[in-house]
Amino acid sequence: KQWYQRRVRGRSTLSLLGCLALAELGRHGFLRPEWLPEVVPVLIKALQYDEKRGNLIIGANVRDSACYLSWSFARTFDPDQIAPFVQDIASALILATLFDKLVGVRRAASAAFQ
């Protein structure tokens, strides 16, 4: 099991708290540049997270916290440190900005992209 996942009712889900913790670490400058190869795939996965449980579709809070994480990347790291990951992050943010179901997530992705 990965450090960013947890088990809920026998299913593995992406953790909202994991994304928020990473975002706060990044915002305060505690997220190290050498961790980016491990963190960026988690960010991409969280920006696309959507899980159906019965009649409900959950995951908006995870996608919103992933937008906050990408926003914190832009303010924490130098452009040359994040340059290898910019294309993947930008693509995921544009998809969230254009096609997410919830307007709040679309706005958060748009703000993170700017």
PDB file of N, CA and C in Angstrom:
ATOM      1  N   LYS A   1       0.853  -1.186   0.000  1.00  0.00           N
ATOM      2  CA  LYS A   1       0.000   0.000   0.000  1.00  0.00           C
ATOM      3  C   LYS A   1       0.892   1.241   0.000  1.00  0.00           C
ATOM      4  N   GLN A   2       0.530   2.212  -0.820  1.00  0.00           N
ATOM      5  CA  GLN A   2       1.298   3.447  -0.919  1.00  0.00           C
ATOM      6  C   GLN A   2       0.978   4.358   0.261  1.00  0.00           C
ATOM      7  N   TRP A   3       1.868   5.297   0.536  1.00  0.00           N
ATOM      8  CA  TRP A   3       1.697   6.207   1.670  1.00  0.00           C
ATOM      9  C   TRP A   3       0.560   7.192   1.470  1.00  0.00           C
ATOM     10  N   TYR A   4       0.099   7.414   0.244  1.00  0.00           N
ATOM     11  CA  TYR A   4      -0.953   8.385  -0.017  1.00  0.00           C
ATOM     12  C   TYR A   4      -2.321   7.742  -0.154  1.00  0.00           C
ATOM     13  N   GLN A   5      -2.409   6.448   0.084  1.00  0.00           N
ATOM     14  CA  GLN A   5      -3.687   5.771  -0.033  1.00  0.00           C
ATOM     15  C   GLN A   5      -4.134   5.260   1.325  1.00  0.00           C
ATOM     16  N   ARG A   6      -5.417   5.017   1.437  1.00  0.00           N
ATOM     17  CA  ARG A   6      -5.943   4.410   2.650  1.00  0.00           C
ATOM     18  C   ARG A   6      -7.061   3.457   2.264  1.00  0.00           C
ATOM     19  N   ARG A   7      -7.412   2.579   3.171  1.00  0.00           N
ATOM     20  CA  ARG A   7      -8.463   1.597   2.900  1.00  0.00           C
ATOM     21  C   ARG A   7      -9.744   2.048   3.575  1.00  0.00           C
ATOM     22  N   VAL A   8     -10.814   2.108   2.795  1.00  0.00           N
ATOM     23  CA  VAL A   8     -12.127   2.451   3.325  1.00  0.00           C
ATOM     24  C   VAL A   8     -13.095   1.376   2.862  1.00  0.00           C
ATOM     25  N   ARG A   9     -13.653   0.665   3.823  1.00  0.00           N
ATOM     26  CA  ARG A   9     -14.615  -0.403   3.526  1.00  0.00           C
ATOM     27  C   ARG A   9     -14.056  -1.390   2.501  1.00  0.00           C
ATOM     28  N   GLY A  10     -12.792  -1.749   2.678  1.00  0.00           N
ATOM     29  CA  GLY A  10     -12.187  -2.749   1.817  1.00  0.00           C
ATOM     30  C   GLY A  10     -11.669  -2.227   0.490  1.00  0.00           C
ATOM     31  N   ARG A  11     -11.834  -0.932   0.215  1.00  0.00           N
ATOM     32  CA  ARG A  11     -11.370  -0.375  -1.053  1.00  0.00           C
ATOM     33  C   ARG A  11     -10.247   0.622  -0.793  1.00  0.00           C
ATOM     34  N   SER A  12      -9.333   0.672  -1.722  1.00  0.00           N
ATOM     35  CA  SER A  12      -8.229   1.615  -1.618  1.00  0.00           C
ATOM     36  C   SER A  12      -8.657   2.939  -2.243  1.00  0.00           C
ATOM     37  N   THR A  13      -8.500   4.023  -1.515  1.00  0.00           N
ATOM     38  CA  THR A  13      -8.877   5.334  -2.027  1.00  0.00           C
ATOM     39  C   THR A  13      -7.724   6.305  -1.843  1.00  0.00           C
ATOM     40  N   LEU A  14      -7.730   7.305  -2.660  1.00  0.00           N
ATOM     41  CA  LEU A  14      -6.739   8.362  -2.519  1.00  0.00           C
ATOM     42  C   LEU A  14      -7.155   9.233  -1.344  1.00  0.00           C
ATOM     43  N   SER A  15      -6.222   9.595  -0.521  1.00  0.00           N
ATOM     44  CA  SER A  15      -6.537  10.294   0.711  1.00  0.00           C
ATOM     45  C   SER A  15      -6.572  11.809   0.530  1.00  0.00           C
ATOM     46  N   LEU A  16      -7.657  12.402   0.949  1.00  0.00           N
ATOM     47  CA  LEU A  16      -7.779  13.858   0.971  1.00  0.00           C
ATOM     48  C   LEU A  16      -6.737  14.451   1.904  1.00  0.00           C
ATOM     49  N   LEU A  17      -6.589  13.856   3.066  1.00  0.00           N
ATOM     50  CA  LEU A  17      -5.654  14.388   4.048  1.00  0.00           C
ATOM     51  C   LEU A  17      -4.214  14.295   3.563  1.00  0.00           C
ATOM     52  N   GLY A  18      -3.902  13.288   2.765  1.00  0.00           N
ATOM     53  CA  GLY A  18      -2.559  13.179   2.200  1.00  0.00           C
ATOM     54  C   GLY A  18      -2.262  14.331   1.262  1.00  0.00           C
ATOM     55  N   CYS A  19      -3.229  14.698   0.425  1.00  0.00           N
ATOM     56  CA  CYS A  19      -3.031  15.826  -0.489  1.00  0.00           C
ATOM     57  C   CYS A  19      -2.920  17.140   0.278  1.00  0.00           C
ATOM     58  N   LEU A  20      -3.760  17.314   1.267  1.00  0.00           N
ATOM     59  CA  LEU A  20      -3.695  18.544   2.061  1.00  0.00           C
ATOM     60  C   LEU A  20      -2.386  18.649   2.830  1.00  0.00           C
ATOM     61  N   ALA A  21      -1.921  17.524   3.353  1.00  0.00           N
ATOM     62  CA  ALA A  21      -0.650  17.540   4.075  1.00  0.00           C
ATOM     63  C   ALA A  21       0.499  17.895   3.144  1.00  0.00           C
ATOM     64  N   LEU A  22       0.507  17.327   1.947  1.00  0.00           N
ATOM     65  CA  LEU A  22       1.544  17.668   0.972  1.00  0.00           C
ATOM     66  C   LEU A  22       1.485  19.131   0.585  1.00  0.00           C
ATOM     67  N   ALA A  23       0.272  19.651   0.411  1.00  0.00           N
ATOM     68  CA  ALA A  23       0.119  21.057   0.041  1.00  0.00           C
ATOM     69  C   ALA A  23       0.632  21.979   1.140  1.00  0.00           C
ATOM     70  N   GLU A  24       0.337  21.663   2.378  1.00  0.00           N
ATOM     71  CA  GLU A  24       0.823  22.490   3.482  1.00  0.00           C
ATOM     72  C   GLU A  24       2.337  22.393   3.622  1.00  0.00           C
ATOM     73  N   LEU A  25       2.880  21.196   3.434  1.00  0.00           N
ATOM     74  CA  LEU A  25       4.335  21.056   3.452  1.00  0.00           C
ATOM     75  C   LEU A  25       4.970  21.908   2.355  1.00  0.00           C
ATOM     76  N   GLY A  26       4.363  21.862   1.174  1.00  0.00           N
ATOM     77  CA  GLY A  26       4.878  22.665   0.064  1.00  0.00           C
ATOM     78  C   GLY A  26       4.753  24.152   0.307  1.00  0.00           C
ATOM     79  N   ARG A  27       3.628  24.565   0.823  1.00  0.00           N
ATOM     80  CA  ARG A  27       3.392  25.995   1.048  1.00  0.00           C
ATOM     81  C   ARG A  27       4.365  26.571   2.065  1.00  0.00           C
ATOM     82  N   HIS A  28       4.728  25.779   3.049  1.00  0.00           N
ATOM     83  CA  HIS A  28       5.650  26.258   4.081  1.00  0.00           C
ATOM     84  C   HIS A  28       7.111  25.971   3.760  1.00  0.00           C
ATOM     85  N   GLY A  29       7.359  25.403   2.574  1.00  0.00           N
ATOM     86  CA  GLY A  29       8.731  25.176   2.140  1.00  0.00           C
ATOM     87  C   GLY A  29       9.389  23.934   2.685  1.00  0.00           C
ATOM     88  N   PHE A  30       8.628  22.985   3.202  1.00  0.00           N
ATOM     89  CA  PHE A  30       9.196  21.761   3.755  1.00  0.00           C
ATOM     90  C   PHE A  30       9.198  20.607   2.761  1.00  0.00           C
ATOM     91  N   LEU A  31       8.599  20.791   1.604  1.00  0.00           N
ATOM     92  CA  LEU A  31       8.587  19.761   0.574  1.00  0.00           C
ATOM     93  C   LEU A  31       9.871  19.906  -0.239  1.00  0.00           C
ATOM     94  N   ARG A  32      10.700  18.890  -0.233  1.00  0.00           N
ATOM     95  CA  ARG A  32      12.023  18.975  -0.853  1.00  0.00           C
ATOM     96  C   ARG A  32      11.954  18.699  -2.354  1.00  0.00           C
ATOM     97  N   PRO A  33      12.777  19.344  -3.156  1.00  0.00           N
ATOM     98  CA  PRO A  33      12.751  19.131  -4.602  1.00  0.00           C
ATOM     99  C   PRO A  33      13.024  17.686  -5.022  1.00  0.00           C
ATOM    100  N   GLU A  34      13.807  16.960  -4.253  1.00  0.00           N
ATOM    101  CA  GLU A  34      14.079  15.575  -4.632  1.00  0.00           C
ATOM    102  C   GLU A  34      12.874  14.657  -4.422  1.00  0.00           C
ATOM    103  N   TRP A  35      11.853  15.133  -3.739  1.00  0.00           N
ATOM    104  CA  TRP A  35      10.622  14.348  -3.572  1.00  0.00           C
ATOM    105  C   TRP A  35       9.658  14.524  -4.739  1.00  0.00           C
ATOM    106  N   LEU A  36       9.910  15.482  -5.610  1.00  0.00           N
ATOM    107  CA  LEU A  36       8.983  15.758  -6.711  1.00  0.00           C
ATOM    108  C   LEU A  36       8.688  14.549  -7.599  1.00  0.00           C
ATOM    109  N   PRO A  37       9.668  13.715  -7.966  1.00  0.00           N
ATOM    110  CA  PRO A  37       9.322  12.550  -8.791  1.00  0.00           C
ATOM    111  C   PRO A  37       8.312  11.602  -8.142  1.00  0.00           C
ATOM    112  N   GLU A  38       8.239  11.588  -6.820  1.00  0.00           N
ATOM    113  CA  GLU A  38       7.245  10.755  -6.141  1.00  0.00           C
ATOM    114  C   GLU A  38       5.922  11.487  -5.946  1.00  0.00           C
ATOM    115  N   VAL A  39       5.972  12.794  -5.750  1.00  0.00           N
ATOM    116  CA  VAL A  39       4.774  13.558  -5.416  1.00  0.00           C
ATOM    117  C   VAL A  39       3.957  13.926  -6.647  1.00  0.00           C
ATOM    118  N   VAL A  40       4.606  14.226  -7.755  1.00  0.00           N
ATOM    119  CA  VAL A  40       3.873  14.671  -8.948  1.00  0.00           C
ATOM    120  C   VAL A  40       2.918  13.604  -9.477  1.00  0.00           C
ATOM    121  N   PRO A  41       3.287  12.315  -9.558  1.00  0.00           N
ATOM    122  CA  PRO A  41       2.283  11.320  -9.972  1.00  0.00           C
ATOM    123  C   PRO A  41       1.083  11.245  -9.036  1.00  0.00           C
ATOM    124  N   VAL A  42       1.301  11.471  -7.746  1.00  0.00           N
ATOM    125  CA  VAL A  42       0.184  11.503  -6.795  1.00  0.00           C
ATOM    126  C   VAL A  42      -0.712  12.698  -7.112  1.00  0.00           C
ATOM    127  N   LEU A  43      -0.111  13.835  -7.414  1.00  0.00           N
ATOM    128  CA  LEU A  43      -0.872  15.027  -7.779  1.00  0.00           C
ATOM    129  C   LEU A  43      -1.715  14.787  -9.021  1.00  0.00           C
ATOM    130  N   ILE A  44      -1.138  14.198 -10.048  1.00  0.00           N
ATOM    131  CA  ILE A  44      -1.863  13.916 -11.290  1.00  0.00           C
ATOM    132  C   ILE A  44      -3.021  12.965 -11.018  1.00  0.00           C
ATOM    133  N   LYS A  45      -2.765  11.939 -10.218  1.00  0.00           N
ATOM    134  CA  LYS A  45      -3.818  10.974  -9.875  1.00  0.00           C
ATOM    135  C   LYS A  45      -4.930  11.649  -9.078  1.00  0.00           C
ATOM    136  N   ALA A  46      -4.562  12.542  -8.169  1.00  0.00           N
ATOM    137  CA  ALA A  46      -5.564  13.225  -7.342  1.00  0.00           C
ATOM    138  C   ALA A  46      -6.390  14.212  -8.164  1.00  0.00           C
ATOM    139  N   LEU A  47      -5.793  14.847  -9.164  1.00  0.00           N
ATOM    140  CA  LEU A  47      -6.553  15.773 -10.013  1.00  0.00           C
ATOM    141  C   LEU A  47      -7.610  15.051 -10.849  1.00  0.00           C
ATOM    142  N   GLN A  48      -7.445  13.755 -11.039  1.00  0.00           N
ATOM    143  CA  GLN A  48      -8.395  12.969 -11.832  1.00  0.00           C
ATOM    144  C   GLN A  48      -9.265  12.051 -10.976  1.00  0.00           C
ATOM    145  N   TYR A  49      -9.129  12.129  -9.664  1.00  0.00           N
ATOM    146  CA  TYR A  49      -9.790  11.186  -8.763  1.00  0.00           C
ATOM    147  C   TYR A  49     -11.302  11.346  -8.788  1.00  0.00           C
ATOM    148  N   ASP A  50     -11.974  10.238  -8.973  1.00  0.00           N
ATOM    149  CA  ASP A  50     -13.432  10.193  -8.975  1.00  0.00           C
ATOM    150  C   ASP A  50     -13.827   8.764  -8.620  1.00  0.00           C
ATOM    151  N   GLU A  51     -14.654   8.593  -7.621  1.00  0.00           N
ATOM    152  CA  GLU A  51     -15.047   7.255  -7.205  1.00  0.00           C
ATOM    153  C   GLU A  51     -16.546   7.212  -6.977  1.00  0.00           C
ATOM    154  N   LYS A  52     -17.181   6.209  -7.533  1.00  0.00           N
ATOM    155  CA  LYS A  52     -18.619   6.046  -7.361  1.00  0.00           C
ATOM    156  C   LYS A  52     -18.885   5.121  -6.189  1.00  0.00           C
ATOM    157  N   ARG A  53     -19.714   5.584  -5.266  1.00  0.00           N
ATOM    158  CA  ARG A  53     -20.146   4.783  -4.120  1.00  0.00           C
ATOM    159  C   ARG A  53     -21.664   4.818  -4.073  1.00  0.00           C
ATOM    160  N   GLY A  54     -22.253   3.759  -4.513  1.00  0.00           N
ATOM    161  CA  GLY A  54     -23.712   3.722  -4.566  1.00  0.00           C
ATOM    162  C   GLY A  54     -24.223   4.735  -5.568  1.00  0.00           C
ATOM    163  N   ASN A  55     -25.077   5.632  -5.117  1.00  0.00           N
ATOM    164  CA  ASN A  55     -25.612   6.679  -5.983  1.00  0.00           C
ATOM    165  C   ASN A  55     -24.769   7.945  -5.964  1.00  0.00           C
ATOM    166  N   LEU A  56     -23.732   7.957  -5.125  1.00  0.00           N
ATOM    167  CA  LEU A  56     -22.910   9.152  -4.977  1.00  0.00           C
ATOM    168  C   LEU A  56     -21.586   9.008  -5.723  1.00  0.00           C
ATOM    169  N   ILE A  57     -21.095  10.122  -6.213  1.00  0.00           N
ATOM    170  CA  ILE A  57     -19.748  10.176  -6.773  1.00  0.00           C
ATOM    171  C   ILE A  57     -18.949  11.095  -5.874  1.00  0.00           C
ATOM    172  N   ILE A  58     -17.894  10.541  -5.290  1.00  0.00           N
ATOM    173  CA  ILE A  58     -17.078  11.324  -4.369  1.00  0.00           C
ATOM    174  C   ILE A  58     -15.736  11.614  -5.013  1.00  0.00           C
ATOM    175  N   GLY A  59     -15.032  12.558  -4.466  1.00  0.00           N
ATOM    176  CA  GLY A  59     -13.698  12.860  -4.943  1.00  0.00           C
ATOM    177  C   GLY A  59     -13.462  14.328  -5.194  1.00  0.00           C
ATOM    178  N   ALA A  60     -14.494  15.159  -5.095  1.00  0.00           N
ATOM    179  CA  ALA A  60     -14.318  16.588  -5.349  1.00  0.00           C
ATOM    180  C   ALA A  60     -13.360  17.212  -4.347  1.00  0.00           C
ATOM    181  N   ASN A  61     -13.422  16.772  -3.093  1.00  0.00           N
ATOM    182  CA  ASN A  61     -12.523  17.333  -2.091  1.00  0.00           C
ATOM    183  C   ASN A  61     -11.071  16.937  -2.347  1.00  0.00           C
ATOM    184  N   VAL A  62     -10.848  15.737  -2.885  1.00  0.00           N
ATOM    185  CA  VAL A  62      -9.493  15.312  -3.242  1.00  0.00           C
ATOM    186  C   VAL A  62      -8.987  16.129  -4.420  1.00  0.00           C
ATOM    187  N   ARG A  63      -9.833  16.330  -5.430  1.00  0.00           N
ATOM    188  CA  ARG A  63      -9.433  17.132  -6.602  1.00  0.00           C
ATOM    189  C   ARG A  63      -9.160  18.573  -6.200  1.00  0.00           C
ATOM    190  N   ASP A  64      -9.950  19.118  -5.291  1.00  0.00           N
ATOM    191  CA  ASP A  64      -9.737  20.487  -4.822  1.00  0.00           C
ATOM    192  C   ASP A  64      -8.418  20.608  -4.055  1.00  0.00           C
ATOM    193  N   SER A  65      -8.124  19.647  -3.213  1.00  0.00           N
ATOM    194  CA  SER A  65      -6.856  19.702  -2.475  1.00  0.00           C
ATOM    195  C   SER A  65      -5.667  19.491  -3.414  1.00  0.00           C
ATOM    196  N   ALA A  66      -5.857  18.743  -4.503  1.00  0.00           N
ATOM    197  CA  ALA A  66      -4.790  18.592  -5.494  1.00  0.00           C
ATOM    198  C   ALA A  66      -4.525  19.918  -6.212  1.00  0.00           C
ATOM    199  N   CYS A  67      -5.569  20.701  -6.444  1.00  0.00           N
ATOM    200  CA  CYS A  67      -5.378  22.038  -7.021  1.00  0.00           C
ATOM    201  C   CYS A  67      -4.578  22.916  -6.073  1.00  0.00           C
ATOM    202  N   TYR A  68      -4.861  22.819  -4.794  1.00  0.00           N
ATOM    203  CA  TYR A  68      -4.105  23.567  -3.790  1.00  0.00           C
ATOM    204  C   TYR A  68      -2.645  23.112  -3.760  1.00  0.00           C
ATOM    205  N   LEU A  69      -2.415  21.815  -3.913  1.00  0.00           N
ATOM    206  CA  LEU A  69      -1.064  21.284  -3.955  1.00  0.00           C
ATOM    207  C   LEU A  69      -0.306  21.833  -5.161  1.00  0.00           C
ATOM    208  N   SER A  70      -0.928  21.860  -6.324  1.00  0.00           N
ATOM    209  CA  SER A  70      -0.243  22.390  -7.506  1.00  0.00           C
ATOM    210  C   SER A  70      -0.004  23.891  -7.379  1.00  0.00           C
ATOM    211  N   TRP A  71      -0.923  24.606  -6.749  1.00  0.00           N
ATOM    212  CA  TRP A  71      -0.716  26.035  -6.482  1.00  0.00           C
ATOM    213  C   TRP A  71       0.493  26.233  -5.569  1.00  0.00           C
ATOM    214  N   SER A  72       0.624  25.376  -4.559  1.00  0.00           N
ATOM    215  CA  SER A  72       1.753  25.507  -3.639  1.00  0.00           C
ATOM    216  C   SER A  72       3.077  25.170  -4.326  1.00  0.00           C
ATOM    217  N   PHE A  73       3.057  24.265  -5.311  1.00  0.00           N
ATOM    218  CA  PHE A  73       4.270  23.974  -6.072  1.00  0.00           C
ATOM    219  C   PHE A  73       4.794  25.223  -6.760  1.00  0.00           C
ATOM    220  N   ALA A  74       3.891  25.964  -7.382  1.00  0.00           N
ATOM    221  CA  ALA A  74       4.301  27.146  -8.143  1.00  0.00           C
ATOM    222  C   ALA A  74       4.900  28.214  -7.240  1.00  0.00           C
ATOM    223  N   ARG A  75       4.488  28.273  -6.008  1.00  0.00           N
ATOM    224  CA  ARG A  75       4.992  29.298  -5.094  1.00  0.00           C
ATOM    225  C   ARG A  75       6.209  28.846  -4.296  1.00  0.00           C
ATOM    226  N   THR A  76       6.461  27.550  -4.258  1.00  0.00           N
ATOM    227  CA  THR A  76       7.537  27.023  -3.434  1.00  0.00           C
ATOM    228  C   THR A  76       8.824  26.785  -4.223  1.00  0.00           C
ATOM    229  N   PHE A  77       8.693  26.167  -5.391  1.00  0.00           N
ATOM    230  CA  PHE A  77       9.871  25.717  -6.114  1.00  0.00           C
ATOM    231  C   PHE A  77      10.307  26.724  -7.165  1.00  0.00           C
ATOM    232  N   ASP A  78      11.613  26.725  -7.437  1.00  0.00           N
ATOM    233  CA  ASP A  78      12.151  27.524  -8.525  1.00  0.00           C
ATOM    234  C   ASP A  78      11.688  26.914  -9.849  1.00  0.00           C
ATOM    235  N   PRO A  79      11.573  27.730 -10.895  1.00  0.00           N
ATOM    236  CA  PRO A  79      11.108  27.193 -12.178  1.00  0.00           C
ATOM    237  C   PRO A  79      11.970  26.053 -12.731  1.00  0.00           C
ATOM    238  N   ASP A  80      13.270  26.100 -12.510  1.00  0.00           N
ATOM    239  CA  ASP A  80      14.117  25.028 -13.024  1.00  0.00           C
ATOM    240  C   ASP A  80      13.941  23.721 -12.247  1.00  0.00           C
ATOM    241  N   GLN A  81      13.499  23.780 -11.001  1.00  0.00           N
ATOM    242  CA  GLN A  81      13.263  22.574 -10.216  1.00  0.00           C
ATOM    243  C   GLN A  81      11.996  21.852 -10.654  1.00  0.00           C
ATOM    244  N   ILE A  82      11.004  22.602 -11.061  1.00  0.00           N
ATOM    245  CA  ILE A  82       9.718  22.000 -11.414  1.00  0.00           C
ATOM    246  C   ILE A  82       9.541  21.839 -12.924  1.00  0.00           C
ATOM    247  N   ALA A  83      10.499  22.343 -13.699  1.00  0.00           N
ATOM    248  CA  ALA A  83      10.397  22.313 -15.165  1.00  0.00           C
ATOM    249  C   ALA A  83      10.137  20.923 -15.749  1.00  0.00           C
ATOM    250  N   PRO A  84      10.765  19.844 -15.260  1.00  0.00           N
ATOM    251  CA  PRO A  84      10.488  18.532 -15.859  1.00  0.00           C
ATOM    252  C   PRO A  84       9.040  18.051 -15.684  1.00  0.00           C
ATOM    253  N   PHE A  85       8.299  18.657 -14.764  1.00  0.00           N
ATOM    254  CA  PHE A  85       6.953  18.186 -14.448  1.00  0.00           C
ATOM    255  C   PHE A  85       5.854  19.137 -14.912  1.00  0.00           C
ATOM    256  N   VAL A  86       6.244  20.289 -15.453  1.00  0.00           N
ATOM    257  CA  VAL A  86       5.269  21.332 -15.785  1.00  0.00           C
ATOM    258  C   VAL A  86       4.255  20.865 -16.821  1.00  0.00           C
ATOM    259  N   GLN A  87       4.712  20.160 -17.842  1.00  0.00           N
ATOM    260  CA  GLN A  87       3.796  19.718 -18.907  1.00  0.00           C
ATOM    261  C   GLN A  87       2.699  18.804 -18.354  1.00  0.00           C
ATOM    262  N   ASP A  88       3.064  17.854 -17.526  1.00  0.00           N
ATOM    263  CA  ASP A  88       2.075  16.923 -16.968  1.00  0.00           C
ATOM    264  C   ASP A  88       1.105  17.629 -16.020  1.00  0.00           C
ATOM    265  N   ILE A  89       1.637  18.498 -15.171  1.00  0.00           N
ATOM    266  CA  ILE A  89       0.779  19.222 -14.227  1.00  0.00           C
ATOM    267  C   ILE A  89      -0.156  20.163 -14.974  1.00  0.00           C
ATOM    268  N   ALA A  90       0.375  20.879 -15.964  1.00  0.00           N
ATOM    269  CA  ALA A  90      -0.447  21.822 -16.724  1.00  0.00           C
ATOM    270  C   ALA A  90      -1.560  21.104 -17.483  1.00  0.00           C
ATOM    271  N   SER A  91      -1.252  19.967 -18.079  1.00  0.00           N
ATOM    272  CA  SER A  91      -2.280  19.204 -18.799  1.00  0.00           C
ATOM    273  C   SER A  91      -3.402  18.760 -17.868  1.00  0.00           C
ATOM    274  N   ALA A  92      -3.020  18.262 -16.693  1.00  0.00           N
ATOM    275  CA  ALA A  92      -4.041  17.804 -15.734  1.00  0.00           C
ATOM    276  C   ALA A  92      -4.872  18.975 -15.221  1.00  0.00           C
ATOM    277  N   LEU A  93      -4.235  20.123 -14.995  1.00  0.00           N
ATOM    278  CA  LEU A  93      -4.981  21.299 -14.520  1.00  0.00           C
ATOM    279  C   LEU A  93      -5.929  21.835 -15.594  1.00  0.00           C
ATOM    280  N   ILE A  94      -5.500  21.832 -16.841  1.00  0.00           N
ATOM    281  CA  ILE A  94      -6.381  22.299 -17.921  1.00  0.00           C
ATOM    282  C   ILE A  94      -7.583  21.379 -18.056  1.00  0.00           C
ATOM    283  N   LEU A  95      -7.356  20.078 -17.976  1.00  0.00           N
ATOM    284  CA  LEU A  95      -8.490  19.146 -18.038  1.00  0.00           C
ATOM    285  C   LEU A  95      -9.463  19.376 -16.888  1.00  0.00           C
ATOM    286  N   ALA A  96      -8.933  19.615 -15.693  1.00  0.00           N
ATOM    287  CA  ALA A  96      -9.810  19.888 -14.552  1.00  0.00           C
ATOM    288  C   ALA A  96     -10.532  21.221 -14.726  1.00  0.00           C
ATOM    289  N   THR A  97      -9.847  22.218 -15.267  1.00  0.00           N
ATOM    290  CA  THR A  97     -10.465  23.531 -15.485  1.00  0.00           C
ATOM    291  C   THR A  97     -11.614  23.446 -16.476  1.00  0.00           C
ATOM    292  N   LEU A  98     -11.457  22.653 -17.493  1.00  0.00           N
ATOM    293  CA  LEU A  98     -12.471  22.593 -18.551  1.00  0.00           C
ATOM    294  C   LEU A  98     -13.584  21.590 -18.284  1.00  0.00           C
ATOM    295  N   PHE A  99     -13.258  20.451 -17.681  1.00  0.00           N
ATOM    296  CA  PHE A  99     -14.217  19.351 -17.685  1.00  0.00           C
ATOM    297  C   PHE A  99     -14.667  18.842 -16.322  1.00  0.00           C
ATOM    298  N   ASP A 100     -14.201  19.415 -15.230  1.00  0.00           N
ATOM    299  CA  ASP A 100     -14.650  18.910 -13.933  1.00  0.00           C
ATOM    300  C   ASP A 100     -16.134  19.190 -13.733  1.00  0.00           C
ATOM    301  N   LYS A 101     -16.805  18.307 -13.010  1.00  0.00           N
ATOM    302  CA  LYS A 101     -18.251  18.437 -12.793  1.00  0.00           C
ATOM    303  C   LYS A 101     -18.620  19.611 -11.902  1.00  0.00           C
ATOM    304  N   LEU A 102     -17.748  19.927 -10.961  1.00  0.00           N
ATOM    305  CA  LEU A 102     -18.075  20.961  -9.977  1.00  0.00           C
ATOM    306  C   LEU A 102     -17.381  22.273 -10.302  1.00  0.00           C
ATOM    307  N   VAL A 103     -18.128  23.350 -10.209  1.00  0.00           N
ATOM    308  CA  VAL A 103     -17.586  24.658 -10.546  1.00  0.00           C
ATOM    309  C   VAL A 103     -16.484  25.075  -9.575  1.00  0.00           C
ATOM    310  N   GLY A 104     -16.565  24.666  -8.332  1.00  0.00           N
ATOM    311  CA  GLY A 104     -15.533  25.013  -7.353  1.00  0.00           C
ATOM    312  C   GLY A 104     -14.184  24.406  -7.703  1.00  0.00           C
ATOM    313  N   VAL A 105     -14.196  23.177  -8.179  1.00  0.00           N
ATOM    314  CA  VAL A 105     -12.952  22.523  -8.588  1.00  0.00           C
ATOM    315  C   VAL A 105     -12.425  23.162  -9.864  1.00  0.00           C
ATOM    316  N   ARG A 106     -13.332  23.494 -10.790  1.00  0.00           N
ATOM    317  CA  ARG A 106     -12.892  24.185 -12.025  1.00  0.00           C
ATOM    318  C   ARG A 106     -12.239  25.508 -11.696  1.00  0.00           C
ATOM    319  N   ARG A 107     -12.794  26.247 -10.754  1.00  0.00           N
ATOM    320  CA  ARG A 107     -12.201  27.530 -10.353  1.00  0.00           C
ATOM    321  C   ARG A 107     -10.859  27.328  -9.666  1.00  0.00           C
ATOM    322  N   ALA A 108     -10.758  26.341  -8.807  1.00  0.00           N
ATOM    323  CA  ALA A 108      -9.500  26.066  -8.116  1.00  0.00           C
ATOM    324  C   ALA A 108      -8.407  25.653  -9.107  1.00  0.00           C
ATOM    325  N   ALA A 109      -8.769  24.838 -10.086  1.00  0.00           N
ATOM    326  CA  ALA A 109      -7.794  24.428 -11.100  1.00  0.00           C
ATOM    327  C   ALA A 109      -7.363  25.608 -11.960  1.00  0.00           C
ATOM    328  N   SER A 110      -8.301  26.484 -12.279  1.00  0.00           N
ATOM    329  CA  SER A 110      -7.968  27.675 -13.049  1.00  0.00           C
ATOM    330  C   SER A 110      -7.026  28.593 -12.264  1.00  0.00           C
ATOM    331  N   ALA A 111      -7.293  28.769 -11.000  1.00  0.00           N
ATOM    332  CA  ALA A 111      -6.435  29.605 -10.161  1.00  0.00           C
ATOM    333  C   ALA A 111      -5.047  29.007 -10.007  1.00  0.00           C
ATOM    334  N   ALA A 112      -4.967  27.683  -9.869  1.00  0.00           N
ATOM    335  CA  ALA A 112      -3.670  27.027  -9.743  1.00  0.00           C
ATOM    336  C   ALA A 112      -2.887  27.122 -11.051  1.00  0.00           C
ATOM    337  N   PHE A 113      -3.579  27.085 -12.176  1.00  0.00           N
ATOM    338  CA  PHE A 113      -2.906  27.165 -13.475  1.00  0.00           C
ATOM    339  C   PHE A 113      -2.312  28.557 -13.695  1.00  0.00           C
ATOM    340  N   GLN A 114      -2.966  29.572 -13.191  1.00  0.00           N
ATOM    341  CA  GLN A 114      -2.474  30.936 -13.399  1.00  0.00           C
ATOM    342  C   GLN A 114      -1.210  31.141 -12.633  1.00  0.00           C
TER     343      GLN A 114
END
